[in-house]
PDB file of N, CA and C in Angstrom:
ATOM      1  N   UNK A   1      13.720 -40.073   7.347  1.00  0.00           N
ATOM      2  CA  UNK A   1      12.892 -39.491   8.497  1.00  0.00           C
ATOM      3  C   UNK A   1      13.225 -38.077   9.003  1.00  0.00           C
ATOM      4  N   UNK A   2      14.479 -38.164   8.414  1.00  0.00           N
ATOM      5  CA  UNK A   2      14.767 -36.719   9.472  1.00  0.00           C
ATOM      6  C   UNK A   2      14.424 -35.236   8.160  1.00  0.00           C
ATOM      7  N   UNK A   3      14.639 -35.981   6.761  1.00  0.00           N
ATOM      8  CA  UNK A   3      14.061 -35.273   6.144  1.00  0.00           C
ATOM      9  C   UNK A   3      12.741 -34.863   5.928  1.00  0.00           C
ATOM     10  N   UNK A   4      11.844 -35.151   5.877  1.00  0.00           N
ATOM     11  CA  UNK A   4      10.444 -35.201   5.970  1.00  0.00           C
ATOM     12  C   UNK A   4      10.298 -34.277   7.475  1.00  0.00           C
ATOM     13  N   UNK A   5      11.056 -34.326   8.514  1.00  0.00           N
ATOM     14  CA  UNK A   5      10.776 -33.297   9.838  1.00  0.00           C
ATOM     15  C   UNK A   5      11.797 -31.390   9.630  1.00  0.00           C
ATOM     16  N   UNK A   6      12.616 -31.482   8.787  1.00  0.00           N
ATOM     17  CA  UNK A   6      12.701 -30.513   8.345  1.00  0.00           C
ATOM     18  C   UNK A   6      11.827 -29.958   7.157  1.00  0.00           C
ATOM     19  N   UNK A   7      11.044 -31.067   6.068  1.00  0.00           N
ATOM     20  CA  UNK A   7      10.364 -29.770   6.095  1.00  0.00           C
ATOM     21  C   UNK A   7       9.145 -29.663   6.672  1.00  0.00           C
ATOM     22  N   UNK A   8       8.243 -30.037   7.748  1.00  0.00           N
ATOM     23  CA  UNK A   8       7.260 -30.170   8.690  1.00  0.00           C
ATOM     24  C   UNK A   8       8.393 -28.776   8.945  1.00  0.00           C
ATOM     25  N   UNK A   9       8.673 -28.628   9.390  1.00  0.00           N
ATOM     26  CA  UNK A   9       9.717 -27.511  10.164  1.00  0.00           C
ATOM     27  C   UNK A   9       9.081 -26.087   9.276  1.00  0.00           C
ATOM     28  N   UNK A  10       9.730 -26.239   7.889  1.00  0.00           N
ATOM     29  CA  UNK A  10       9.895 -24.755   7.270  1.00  0.00           C
ATOM     30  C   UNK A  10       8.605 -25.079   7.253  1.00  0.00           C
ATOM     31  N   UNK A  11       8.082 -25.648   7.120  1.00  0.00           N
ATOM     32  CA  UNK A  11       6.550 -25.230   6.418  1.00  0.00           C
ATOM     33  C   UNK A  11       5.854 -24.468   7.790  1.00  0.00           C
ATOM     34  N   UNK A  12       5.845 -25.715   8.906  1.00  0.00           N
ATOM     35  CA  UNK A  12       5.575 -25.057   9.933  1.00  0.00           C
ATOM     36  C   UNK A  12       5.907 -23.147  10.373  1.00  0.00           C
ATOM     37  N   UNK A  13       7.131 -23.084  10.030  1.00  0.00           N
ATOM     38  CA  UNK A  13       7.340 -22.347   9.804  1.00  0.00           C
ATOM     39  C   UNK A  13       7.755 -20.379   8.581  1.00  0.00           C
ATOM     40  N   UNK A  14       6.598 -21.173   7.989  1.00  0.00           N
ATOM     41  CA  UNK A  14       6.100 -20.153   6.897  1.00  0.00           C
ATOM     42  C   UNK A  14       4.752 -19.681   7.150  1.00  0.00           C
ATOM     43  N   UNK A  15       4.204 -20.619   7.984  1.00  0.00           N
ATOM     44  CA  UNK A  15       2.313 -20.742   8.280  1.00  0.00           C
ATOM     45  C   UNK A  15       2.920 -19.489  10.153  1.00  0.00           C
ATOM     46  N   UNK A  16       3.168 -19.985  10.687  1.00  0.00           N
ATOM     47  CA  UNK A  16       3.969 -19.185  11.278  1.00  0.00           C
ATOM     48  C   UNK A  16       4.313 -18.116  11.791  1.00  0.00           C
ATOM     49  N   UNK A  17       5.415 -17.589  11.020  1.00  0.00           N
ATOM     50  CA  UNK A  17       5.446 -16.321  10.588  1.00  0.00           C
ATOM     51  C   UNK A  17       5.313 -15.289   9.735  1.00  0.00           C
ATOM     52  N   UNK A  18       5.486 -14.266  10.230  1.00  0.00           N
ATOM     53  CA  UNK A  18       5.434 -13.217   8.843  1.00  0.00           C
ATOM     54  C   UNK A  18       6.560 -12.318   9.239  1.00  0.00           C
ATOM     55  N   UNK A  19       7.481 -11.534   7.929  1.00  0.00           N
ATOM     56  CA  UNK A  19       7.795 -10.402   8.408  1.00  0.00           C
ATOM     57  C   UNK A  19       8.170 -11.114   6.333  1.00  0.00           C
ATOM     58  N   UNK A  20       9.374  -8.987   6.004  1.00  0.00           N
ATOM     59  CA  UNK A  20       9.960  -9.072   4.895  1.00  0.00           C
ATOM     60  C   UNK A  20      10.858  -9.810   4.819  1.00  0.00           C
ATOM     61  N   UNK A  21      11.212 -10.247   4.359  1.00  0.00           N
ATOM     62  CA  UNK A  21      12.493 -11.872   4.016  1.00  0.00           C
ATOM     63  C   UNK A  21      13.304 -11.001   3.622  1.00  0.00           C
ATOM     64  N   UNK A  22      13.709  -9.308   2.725  1.00  0.00           N
ATOM     65  CA  UNK A  22      14.575  -8.253   3.112  1.00  0.00           C
ATOM     66  C   UNK A  22      15.131  -8.251   3.648  1.00  0.00           C
ATOM     67  N   UNK A  23      13.876  -8.339   4.971  1.00  0.00           N
ATOM     68  CA  UNK A  23      14.895  -7.415   5.745  1.00  0.00           C
ATOM     69  C   UNK A  23      15.654  -8.665   7.143  1.00  0.00           C
ATOM     70  N   UNK A  24      15.733  -8.238   8.635  1.00  0.00           N
ATOM     71  CA  UNK A  24      16.120  -8.801   8.824  1.00  0.00           C
ATOM     72  C   UNK A  24      15.469  -9.798  10.505  1.00  0.00           C
ATOM     73  N   UNK A  25      14.569  -8.451  11.007  1.00  0.00           N
ATOM     74  CA  UNK A  25      13.166  -8.394  11.800  1.00  0.00           C
ATOM     75  C   UNK A  25      12.643  -9.247  11.136  1.00  0.00           C
ATOM     76  N   UNK A  26      12.152 -10.644  11.781  1.00  0.00           N
ATOM     77  CA  UNK A  26      10.702 -11.052  12.608  1.00  0.00           C
ATOM     78  C   UNK A  26       9.731 -11.419  13.055  1.00  0.00           C
ATOM     79  N   UNK A  27       8.747 -11.081  13.109  1.00  0.00           N
ATOM     80  CA  UNK A  27       7.777 -11.031  14.328  1.00  0.00           C
ATOM     81  C   UNK A  27       6.457 -11.602  13.981  1.00  0.00           C
ATOM     82  N   UNK A  28       6.316 -12.552  15.223  1.00  0.00           N
ATOM     83  CA  UNK A  28       5.093 -13.908  15.123  1.00  0.00           C
ATOM     84  C   UNK A  28       4.133 -13.023  14.807  1.00  0.00           C
ATOM     85  N   UNK A  29       3.209 -14.052  14.823  1.00  0.00           N
ATOM     86  CA  UNK A  29       1.706 -13.258  14.256  1.00  0.00           C
ATOM     87  C   UNK A  29       0.713 -13.052  14.945  1.00  0.00           C
ATOM     88  N   UNK A  30       1.058 -13.364  16.515  1.00  0.00           N
ATOM     89  CA  UNK A  30       0.837 -13.433  17.248  1.00  0.00           C
ATOM     90  C   UNK A  30       0.895 -11.910  18.043  1.00  0.00           C
ATOM     91  N   UNK A  31       1.691 -11.016  17.719  1.00  0.00           N
ATOM     92  CA  UNK A  31       2.934 -10.091  17.942  1.00  0.00           C
ATOM     93  C   UNK A  31       1.486  -8.907  18.769  1.00  0.00           C
ATOM     94  N   UNK A  32       1.985  -8.168  19.935  1.00  0.00           N
ATOM     95  CA  UNK A  32       1.155  -8.222  20.898  1.00  0.00           C
ATOM     96  C   UNK A  32       0.981  -6.517  20.039  1.00  0.00           C
ATOM     97  N   UNK A  33       2.060  -6.273  19.285  1.00  0.00           N
ATOM     98  CA  UNK A  33       1.064  -4.835  18.896  1.00  0.00           C
ATOM     99  C   UNK A  33      -0.022  -4.581  17.984  1.00  0.00           C
ATOM    100  N   UNK A  34      -0.532  -5.675  17.581  1.00  0.00           N
ATOM    101  CA  UNK A  34      -1.916  -5.818  17.335  1.00  0.00           C
ATOM    102  C   UNK A  34      -2.659  -6.895  17.769  1.00  0.00           C
ATOM    103  N   UNK A  35      -2.784  -6.924  19.125  1.00  0.00           N
ATOM    104  CA  UNK A  35      -3.550  -8.242  19.365  1.00  0.00           C
ATOM    105  C   UNK A  35      -4.090  -7.254  20.162  1.00  0.00           C
ATOM    106  N   UNK A  36      -5.666  -7.931  19.726  1.00  0.00           N
ATOM    107  CA  UNK A  36      -6.856  -7.531  20.564  1.00  0.00           C
ATOM    108  C   UNK A  36      -7.258  -6.545  19.628  1.00  0.00           C
ATOM    109  N   UNK A  37      -6.459  -6.395  18.216  1.00  0.00           N
ATOM    110  CA  UNK A  37      -7.855  -5.306  17.432  1.00  0.00           C
ATOM    111  C   UNK A  37      -8.661  -5.645  16.984  1.00  0.00           C
ATOM    112  N   UNK A  38      -9.885  -5.210  15.938  1.00  0.00           N
ATOM    113  CA  UNK A  38     -10.802  -5.278  15.294  1.00  0.00           C
ATOM    114  C   UNK A  38      -9.604  -5.585  13.825  1.00  0.00           C
ATOM    115  N   UNK A  39     -10.624  -5.661  12.369  1.00  0.00           N
ATOM    116  CA  UNK A  39      -9.633  -6.542  12.036  1.00  0.00           C
ATOM    117  C   UNK A  39      -9.766  -5.396  10.545  1.00  0.00           C
ATOM    118  N   UNK A  40     -10.533  -4.173  10.920  1.00  0.00           N
ATOM    119  CA  UNK A  40     -10.518  -3.037  10.620  1.00  0.00           C
ATOM    120  C   UNK A  40      -9.476  -2.585  11.257  1.00  0.00           C
ATOM    121  N   UNK A  41      -9.153  -1.614  12.055  1.00  0.00           N
ATOM    122  CA  UNK A  41      -7.810  -1.671  12.489  1.00  0.00           C
ATOM    123  C   UNK A  41      -6.516  -1.829  12.269  1.00  0.00           C
ATOM    124  N   UNK A  42      -6.276  -3.286  12.101  1.00  0.00           N
ATOM    125  CA  UNK A  42      -5.349  -4.771  11.081  1.00  0.00           C
ATOM    126  C   UNK A  42      -5.294  -4.123  10.552  1.00  0.00           C
ATOM    127  N   UNK A  43      -5.914  -4.186   9.403  1.00  0.00           N
ATOM    128  CA  UNK A  43      -5.860  -3.805   7.826  1.00  0.00           C
ATOM    129  C   UNK A  43      -5.500  -2.641   7.948  1.00  0.00           C
ATOM    130  N   UNK A  44      -6.031  -1.272   8.816  1.00  0.00           N
ATOM    131  CA  UNK A  44      -5.328  -0.008   8.596  1.00  0.00           C
ATOM    132  C   UNK A  44      -3.706  -0.052   8.896  1.00  0.00           C
ATOM    133  N   UNK A  45      -3.462  -0.768   9.926  1.00  0.00           N
ATOM    134  CA  UNK A  45      -2.339  -0.936  10.736  1.00  0.00           C
ATOM    135  C   UNK A  45      -0.892  -1.337   8.893  1.00  0.00           C
ATOM    136  N   UNK A  46      -1.374  -2.505   8.783  1.00  0.00           N
ATOM    137  CA  UNK A  46      -1.297  -3.327   7.527  1.00  0.00           C
ATOM    138  C   UNK A  46      -0.677  -2.725   6.912  1.00  0.00           C
ATOM    139  N   UNK A  47      -1.645  -1.966   5.961  1.00  0.00           N
ATOM    140  CA  UNK A  47      -1.640  -0.653   4.760  1.00  0.00           C
ATOM    141  C   UNK A  47      -0.936   0.346   5.261  1.00  0.00           C
ATOM    142  N   UNK A  48      -0.697   0.595   6.538  1.00  0.00           N
ATOM    143  CA  UNK A  48       0.127   1.882   6.235  1.00  0.00           C
ATOM    144  C   UNK A  48       1.440   1.983   5.850  1.00  0.00           C
ATOM    145  N   UNK A  49       1.622   0.346   7.155  1.00  0.00           N
ATOM    146  CA  UNK A  49       3.269  -0.061   7.432  1.00  0.00           C
ATOM    147  C   UNK A  49       3.590  -0.687   5.784  1.00  0.00           C
ATOM    148  N   UNK A  50       2.536  -1.122   5.042  1.00  0.00           N
ATOM    149  CA  UNK A  50       2.850  -1.710   3.702  1.00  0.00           C
ATOM    150  C   UNK A  50       3.871   0.458   3.040  1.00  0.00           C
ATOM    151  N   UNK A  51       2.814   0.906   3.172  1.00  0.00           N
ATOM    152  CA  UNK A  51       2.521   2.194   2.415  1.00  0.00           C
ATOM    153  C   UNK A  51       4.201   2.557   2.805  1.00  0.00           C
ATOM    154  N   UNK A  52       4.472   3.209   4.150  1.00  0.00           N
ATOM    155  CA  UNK A  52       5.637   3.765   4.943  1.00  0.00           C
ATOM    156  C   UNK A  52       7.176   2.665   4.925  1.00  0.00           C
ATOM    157  N   UNK A  53       6.535   1.314   4.838  1.00  0.00           N
ATOM    158  CA  UNK A  53       8.289   0.578   4.329  1.00  0.00           C
ATOM    159  C   UNK A  53       8.659   1.105   2.559  1.00  0.00           C
ATOM    160  N   UNK A  54       7.675   1.366   1.548  1.00  0.00           N
ATOM    161  CA  UNK A  54       7.937   2.209   0.586  1.00  0.00           C
ATOM    162  C   UNK A  54       8.498   2.929   0.709  1.00  0.00           C
ATOM    163  N   UNK A  55       7.442   3.870   1.432  1.00  0.00           N
ATOM    164  CA  UNK A  55       7.798   5.685   1.142  1.00  0.00           C
ATOM    165  C   UNK A  55       9.200   5.452   1.370  1.00  0.00           C
ATOM    166  N   UNK A  56       9.969   4.686   2.691  1.00  0.00           N
ATOM    167  CA  UNK A  56      11.403   5.047   3.894  1.00  0.00           C
ATOM    168  C   UNK A  56      11.737   3.858   3.127  1.00  0.00           C
ATOM    169  N   UNK A  57      11.708   2.964   2.490  1.00  0.00           N
ATOM    170  CA  UNK A  57      13.099   1.605   2.151  1.00  0.00           C
ATOM    171  C   UNK A  57      13.432   1.042   3.758  1.00  0.00           C
ATOM    172  N   UNK A  58      12.661   0.449   4.065  1.00  0.00           N
ATOM    173  CA  UNK A  58      12.997   0.333   5.534  1.00  0.00           C
ATOM    174  C   UNK A  58      11.989  -1.550   5.352  1.00  0.00           C
ATOM    175  N   UNK A  59      12.245  -2.636   6.590  1.00  0.00           N
ATOM    176  CA  UNK A  59      11.100  -3.743   5.849  1.00  0.00           C
ATOM    177  C   UNK A  59      10.183  -2.901   7.095  1.00  0.00           C
ATOM    178  N   UNK A  60       9.080  -3.884   6.444  1.00  0.00           N
ATOM    179  CA  UNK A  60       7.497  -3.961   7.623  1.00  0.00           C
ATOM    180  C   UNK A  60       8.216  -4.132   8.896  1.00  0.00           C
ATOM    181  N   UNK A  61       9.115  -4.631   8.655  1.00  0.00           N
ATOM    182  CA  UNK A  61       9.347  -5.407  10.613  1.00  0.00           C
ATOM    183  C   UNK A  61      10.049  -4.580  10.696  1.00  0.00           C
ATOM    184  N   UNK A  62      10.797  -3.393  10.492  1.00  0.00           N
ATOM    185  CA  UNK A  62      11.236  -2.737  11.470  1.00  0.00           C
ATOM    186  C   UNK A  62      10.410  -1.065  11.460  1.00  0.00           C
ATOM    187  N   UNK A  63       8.863  -1.029  11.473  1.00  0.00           N
ATOM    188  CA  UNK A  63       8.405   0.060  11.118  1.00  0.00           C
ATOM    189  C   UNK A  63       7.446  -0.208  12.525  1.00  0.00           C
ATOM    190  N   UNK A  64       7.438   0.696  13.659  1.00  0.00           N
ATOM    191  CA  UNK A  64       6.511   0.505  14.789  1.00  0.00           C
ATOM    192  C   UNK A  64       5.498   1.179  15.089  1.00  0.00           C
ATOM    193  N   UNK A  65       4.036   0.535  15.329  1.00  0.00           N
ATOM    194  CA  UNK A  65       2.798   0.630  16.129  1.00  0.00           C
ATOM    195  C   UNK A  65       3.156   1.812  17.075  1.00  0.00           C
ATOM    196  N   UNK A  66       2.917   3.418  17.273  1.00  0.00           N
ATOM    197  CA  UNK A  66       2.840   3.973  18.558  1.00  0.00           C
ATOM    198  C   UNK A  66       1.502   4.037  19.038  1.00  0.00           C
ATOM    199  N   UNK A  67       0.695   4.654  18.412  1.00  0.00           N
ATOM    200  CA  UNK A  67      -0.698   5.015  17.768  1.00  0.00           C
ATOM    201  C   UNK A  67      -1.843   4.331  17.105  1.00  0.00           C
ATOM    202  N   UNK A  68      -3.183   4.411  17.626  1.00  0.00           N
ATOM    203  CA  UNK A  68      -4.183   4.027  16.073  1.00  0.00           C
ATOM    204  C   UNK A  68      -5.113   4.991  17.322  1.00  0.00           C
ATOM    205  N   UNK A  69      -5.774   6.001  16.615  1.00  0.00           N
ATOM    206  CA  UNK A  69      -7.424   6.502  16.997  1.00  0.00           C
ATOM    207  C   UNK A  69      -8.383   7.049  15.721  1.00  0.00           C
ATOM    208  N   UNK A  70      -9.403   6.729  16.796  1.00  0.00           N
ATOM    209  CA  UNK A  70     -10.461   6.606  15.701  1.00  0.00           C
ATOM    210  C   UNK A  70     -10.727   8.384  15.078  1.00  0.00           C
ATOM    211  N   UNK A  71     -11.176   8.688  14.191  1.00  0.00           N
ATOM    212  CA  UNK A  71     -11.609  10.164  13.119  1.00  0.00           C
ATOM    213  C   UNK A  71     -12.738  10.166  12.585  1.00  0.00           C
ATOM    214  N   UNK A  72     -12.555  11.742  12.376  1.00  0.00           N
ATOM    215  CA  UNK A  72     -13.981  11.583  11.642  1.00  0.00           C
ATOM    216  C   UNK A  72     -12.898  13.018  10.184  1.00  0.00           C
ATOM    217  N   UNK A  73     -12.802  12.441   9.332  1.00  0.00           N
ATOM    218  CA  UNK A  73     -12.685  13.045   8.844  1.00  0.00           C
ATOM    219  C   UNK A  73     -13.063  14.215   7.697  1.00  0.00           C
ATOM    220  N   UNK A  74     -13.089  15.609   7.619  1.00  0.00           N
ATOM    221  CA  UNK A  74     -14.068  16.420   6.861  1.00  0.00           C
ATOM    222  C   UNK A  74     -14.023  16.251   5.039  1.00  0.00           C
ATOM    223  N   UNK A  75     -12.982  14.674   4.559  1.00  0.00           N
ATOM    224  CA  UNK A  75     -13.722  15.825   3.034  1.00  0.00           C
ATOM    225  C   UNK A  75     -12.926  13.995   2.413  1.00  0.00           C
ATOM    226  N   UNK A  76     -13.604  13.431   1.565  1.00  0.00           N
ATOM    227  CA  UNK A  76     -13.914  12.122   0.938  1.00  0.00           C
ATOM    228  C   UNK A  76     -12.179  12.019   1.008  1.00  0.00           C
ATOM    229  N   UNK A  77     -10.655  12.786   0.669  1.00  0.00           N
ATOM    230  CA  UNK A  77     -10.173  12.649   0.535  1.00  0.00           C
ATOM    231  C   UNK A  77      -8.759  12.741   2.524  1.00  0.00           C
ATOM    232  N   UNK A  78      -9.662  11.913   3.074  1.00  0.00           N
ATOM    233  CA  UNK A  78      -9.217  11.803   4.298  1.00  0.00           C
ATOM    234  C   UNK A  78      -8.462  12.420   4.966  1.00  0.00           C
ATOM    235  N   UNK A  79      -8.967  13.881   4.616  1.00  0.00           N
ATOM    236  CA  UNK A  79      -8.210  15.629   4.757  1.00  0.00           C
ATOM    237  C   UNK A  79      -7.129  15.353   4.300  1.00  0.00           C
ATOM    238  N   UNK A  80      -6.798  14.927   3.150  1.00  0.00           N
ATOM    239  CA  UNK A  80      -5.333  14.510   3.262  1.00  0.00           C
ATOM    240  C   UNK A  80      -5.262  14.560   1.512  1.00  0.00           C
ATOM    241  N   UNK A  81      -5.220  16.117   0.496  1.00  0.00           N
ATOM    242  CA  UNK A  81      -5.606  15.968  -0.266  1.00  0.00           C
ATOM    243  C   UNK A  81      -4.093  15.948  -1.222  1.00  0.00           C
ATOM    244  N   UNK A  82      -4.362  15.386  -1.578  1.00  0.00           N
ATOM    245  CA  UNK A  82      -3.025  15.268  -3.111  1.00  0.00           C
ATOM    246  C   UNK A  82      -3.056  16.541  -4.666  1.00  0.00           C
ATOM    247  N   UNK A  83      -2.079  16.657  -4.877  1.00  0.00           N
ATOM    248  CA  UNK A  83      -1.939  17.495  -5.995  1.00  0.00           C
ATOM    249  C   UNK A  83      -2.585  17.509  -7.061  1.00  0.00           C
ATOM    250  N   UNK A  84      -3.402  18.862  -7.204  1.00  0.00           N
ATOM    251  CA  UNK A  84      -4.171  18.700  -8.294  1.00  0.00           C
ATOM    252  C   UNK A  84      -5.673  18.074  -8.399  1.00  0.00           C
ATOM    253  N   UNK A  85      -5.630  17.286  -6.992  1.00  0.00           N
ATOM    254  CA  UNK A  85      -6.678  16.399  -6.650  1.00  0.00           C
ATOM    255  C   UNK A  85      -8.091  17.509  -6.207  1.00  0.00           C
ATOM    256  N   UNK A  86      -9.697  17.854  -6.109  1.00  0.00           N
ATOM    257  CA  UNK A  86     -10.656  18.030  -5.584  1.00  0.00           C
ATOM    258  C   UNK A  86     -11.114  17.328  -5.008  1.00  0.00           C
ATOM    259  N   UNK A  87     -11.067  17.915  -3.764  1.00  0.00           N
ATOM    260  CA  UNK A  87     -11.722  17.310  -2.580  1.00  0.00           C
ATOM    261  C   UNK A  87     -13.454  17.291  -1.899  1.00  0.00           C
ATOM    262  N   UNK A  88     -14.065  16.890  -2.393  1.00  0.00           N
ATOM    263  CA  UNK A  88     -15.551  17.123  -1.405  1.00  0.00           C
ATOM    264  C   UNK A  88     -16.023  17.213  -0.295  1.00  0.00           C
ATOM    265  N   UNK A  89     -16.618  18.023   0.839  1.00  0.00           N
ATOM    266  CA  UNK A  89     -17.090  17.928   2.123  1.00  0.00           C
ATOM    267  C   UNK A  89     -17.767  16.724   2.641  1.00  0.00           C
ATOM    268  N   UNK A  90     -17.143  15.626   3.415  1.00  0.00           N
ATOM    269  CA  UNK A  90     -18.163  14.726   3.413  1.00  0.00           C
ATOM    270  C   UNK A  90     -17.672  14.280   4.672  1.00  0.00           C
ATOM    271  N   UNK A  91     -18.261  14.233   5.430  1.00  0.00           N
ATOM    272  CA  UNK A  91     -18.073  13.612   6.908  1.00  0.00           C
ATOM    273  C   UNK A  91     -17.793  12.281   6.335  1.00  0.00           C
ATOM    274  N   UNK A  92     -15.748  11.318   6.464  1.00  0.00           N
ATOM    275  CA  UNK A  92     -16.292   9.938   6.611  1.00  0.00           C
ATOM    276  C   UNK A  92     -15.780   9.152   7.706  1.00  0.00           C
ATOM    277  N   UNK A  93     -15.712   8.667   8.544  1.00  0.00           N
ATOM    278  CA  UNK A  93     -15.745   7.709   9.596  1.00  0.00           C
ATOM    279  C   UNK A  93     -13.454   7.485   9.168  1.00  0.00           C
ATOM    280  N   UNK A  94     -12.849   7.348  10.332  1.00  0.00           N
ATOM    281  CA  UNK A  94     -11.456   5.945   9.516  1.00  0.00           C
ATOM    282  C   UNK A  94     -11.125   6.487  10.824  1.00  0.00           C
ATOM    283  N   UNK A  95      -9.865   6.324  10.292  1.00  0.00           N
ATOM    284  CA  UNK A  95      -8.725   5.983  11.879  1.00  0.00           C
ATOM    285  C   UNK A  95      -7.332   6.768  11.120  1.00  0.00           C
ATOM    286  N   UNK A  96      -6.136   7.825  12.169  1.00  0.00           N
ATOM    287  CA  UNK A  96      -5.126   7.892  12.021  1.00  0.00           C
ATOM    288  C   UNK A  96      -4.000   7.269  13.089  1.00  0.00           C
ATOM    289  N   UNK A  97      -3.007   6.781  12.700  1.00  0.00           N
ATOM    290  CA  UNK A  97      -2.239   5.408  12.386  1.00  0.00           C
ATOM    291  C   UNK A  97      -1.097   6.686  12.572  1.00  0.00           C
ATOM    292  N   UNK A  98      -0.278   5.898  13.745  1.00  0.00           N
ATOM    293  CA  UNK A  98       0.918   7.025  13.758  1.00  0.00           C
ATOM    294  C   UNK A  98       2.097   5.744  14.568  1.00  0.00           C
ATOM    295  N   UNK A  99       2.990   6.067  12.914  1.00  0.00           N
ATOM    296  CA  UNK A  99       3.657   4.702  13.119  1.00  0.00           C
ATOM    297  C   UNK A  99       5.271   5.690  13.736  1.00  0.00           C
ATOM    298  N   UNK A 100       5.909   4.800  13.423  1.00  0.00           N
ATOM    299  CA  UNK A 100       7.492   5.520  13.737  1.00  0.00           C
ATOM    300  C   UNK A 100       8.217   4.365  12.897  1.00  0.00           C
ATOM    301  N   UNK A 101       9.682   4.575  12.782  1.00  0.00           N
ATOM    302  CA  UNK A 101      10.809   4.554  12.157  1.00  0.00           C
ATOM    303  C   UNK A 101      12.009   4.653  12.916  1.00  0.00           C
ATOM    304  N   UNK A 102      13.134   4.139  13.195  1.00  0.00           N
ATOM    305  CA  UNK A 102      13.955   4.784  14.146  1.00  0.00           C
ATOM    306  C   UNK A 102      14.405   6.523  14.629  1.00  0.00           C
ATOM    307  N   UNK A 103      12.918   6.499  15.590  1.00  0.00           N
ATOM    308  CA  UNK A 103      12.067   7.246  16.236  1.00  0.00           C
ATOM    309  C   UNK A 103      11.648   8.973  15.698  1.00  0.00           C
ATOM    310  N   UNK A 104      11.126   8.893  14.174  1.00  0.00           N
ATOM    311  CA  UNK A 104      11.054   9.683  13.154  1.00  0.00           C
ATOM    312  C   UNK A 104       8.782   8.855  13.140  1.00  0.00           C
ATOM    313  N   UNK A 105       8.183   9.657  13.665  1.00  0.00           N
ATOM    314  CA  UNK A 105       7.027   9.451  13.493  1.00  0.00           C
ATOM    315  C   UNK A 105       6.311   9.587  12.206  1.00  0.00           C
ATOM    316  N   UNK A 106       5.478   9.121  11.752  1.00  0.00           N
ATOM    317  CA  UNK A 106       4.796   9.328  10.774  1.00  0.00           C
ATOM    318  C   UNK A 106       3.491   9.027  10.732  1.00  0.00           C
ATOM    319  N   UNK A 107       2.703   9.884  10.094  1.00  0.00           N
ATOM    320  CA  UNK A 107       1.418   9.729  10.250  1.00  0.00           C
ATOM    321  C   UNK A 107      -0.054   9.455   9.426  1.00  0.00           C
ATOM    322  N   UNK A 108      -0.758   9.104   9.848  1.00  0.00           N
ATOM    323  CA  UNK A 108      -1.570   8.068   8.308  1.00  0.00           C
ATOM    324  C   UNK A 108      -2.613   8.146   8.642  1.00  0.00           C
ATOM    325  N   UNK A 109      -4.124   8.830   7.439  1.00  0.00           N
ATOM    326  CA  UNK A 109      -5.053   8.681   8.085  1.00  0.00           C
ATOM    327  C   UNK A 109      -5.286   7.549   6.818  1.00  0.00           C
ATOM    328  N   UNK A 110      -6.722   7.023   7.016  1.00  0.00           N
ATOM    329  CA  UNK A 110      -7.443   5.405   6.864  1.00  0.00           C
ATOM    330  C   UNK A 110      -9.002   5.531   6.857  1.00  0.00           C
ATOM    331  N   UNK A 111      -9.315   5.357   5.754  1.00  0.00           N
ATOM    332  CA  UNK A 111     -11.594   4.645   6.266  1.00  0.00           C
ATOM    333  C   UNK A 111     -11.575   3.573   6.929  1.00  0.00           C
ATOM    334  N   UNK A 112     -12.520   3.350   6.745  1.00  0.00           N
ATOM    335  CA  UNK A 112     -13.267   3.385   7.765  1.00  0.00           C
ATOM    336  C   UNK A 112     -12.794   1.227   8.233  1.00  0.00           C
ATOM    337  N   UNK A 113     -12.586   0.915   6.952  1.00  0.00           N
ATOM    338  CA  UNK A 113     -12.331  -0.779   6.454  1.00  0.00           C
ATOM    339  C   UNK A 113     -10.735  -1.039   6.388  1.00  0.00           C
ATOM    340  N   UNK A 114      -9.675   0.212   6.729  1.00  0.00           N
ATOM    341  CA  UNK A 114      -8.607   0.879   6.438  1.00  0.00           C
ATOM    342  C   UNK A 114      -7.896   0.156   5.158  1.00  0.00           C
ATOM    343  N   UNK A 115      -8.807   0.187   4.500  1.00  0.00           N
ATOM    344  CA  UNK A 115      -8.523  -0.205   3.194  1.00  0.00           C
ATOM    345  C   UNK A 115      -7.625   0.968   2.533  1.00  0.00           C
ATOM    346  N   UNK A 116      -8.119   2.323   2.749  1.00  0.00           N
ATOM    347  CA  UNK A 116      -7.538   3.092   1.835  1.00  0.00           C
ATOM    348  C   UNK A 116      -6.930   4.061   2.828  1.00  0.00           C
ATOM    349  N   UNK A 117      -5.360   4.333   2.494  1.00  0.00           N
ATOM    350  CA  UNK A 117      -4.744   4.948   3.357  1.00  0.00           C
ATOM    351  C   UNK A 117      -3.654   6.186   2.837  1.00  0.00           C
ATOM    352  N   UNK A 118      -3.767   7.374   3.648  1.00  0.00           N
ATOM    353  CA  UNK A 118      -2.513   8.505   3.190  1.00  0.00           C
ATOM    354  C   UNK A 118      -1.970   8.606   3.955  1.00  0.00           C
ATOM    355  N   UNK A 119      -0.734   8.962   3.461  1.00  0.00           N
ATOM    356  CA  UNK A 119      -0.078  10.005   4.638  1.00  0.00           C
ATOM    357  C   UNK A 119       0.223  11.161   4.419  1.00  0.00           C
ATOM    358  N   UNK A 120       0.471  11.121   5.828  1.00  0.00           N
ATOM    359  CA  UNK A 120       0.102  12.811   6.146  1.00  0.00           C
ATOM    360  C   UNK A 120       1.026  13.319   6.499  1.00  0.00           C
ATOM    361  N   UNK A 121       1.773  14.200   6.026  1.00  0.00           N
ATOM    362  CA  UNK A 121       2.421  15.078   6.681  1.00  0.00           C
ATOM    363  C   UNK A 121       1.888  16.665   7.673  1.00  0.00           C
TER     364      UNK A 121
END
């Protein structure tokens, strides 16, 4: 009976909690940081955090959301050209996502559905 209870607790923990198991901080899926946000905004924040996590070498749980703002980018590159890339003038609705790691802010430009993210230096 005790072993069944342990298995049930373990399964519930995996369903309820999210986190990067290489890090030290886990956050509850109902985290107030994303509460009340639309799915595209949640997607933009999640994808931006994932990219920043890889870029600076920290767990996503270490990264804090500072702000999100609706923007209209003036190029199909989300106003962030990668070296050698040719960007065309085109209005693209999206978001500006500002994240923080240990007090340093990082800005991302995303498209409207949050699936495409670009780090803005």
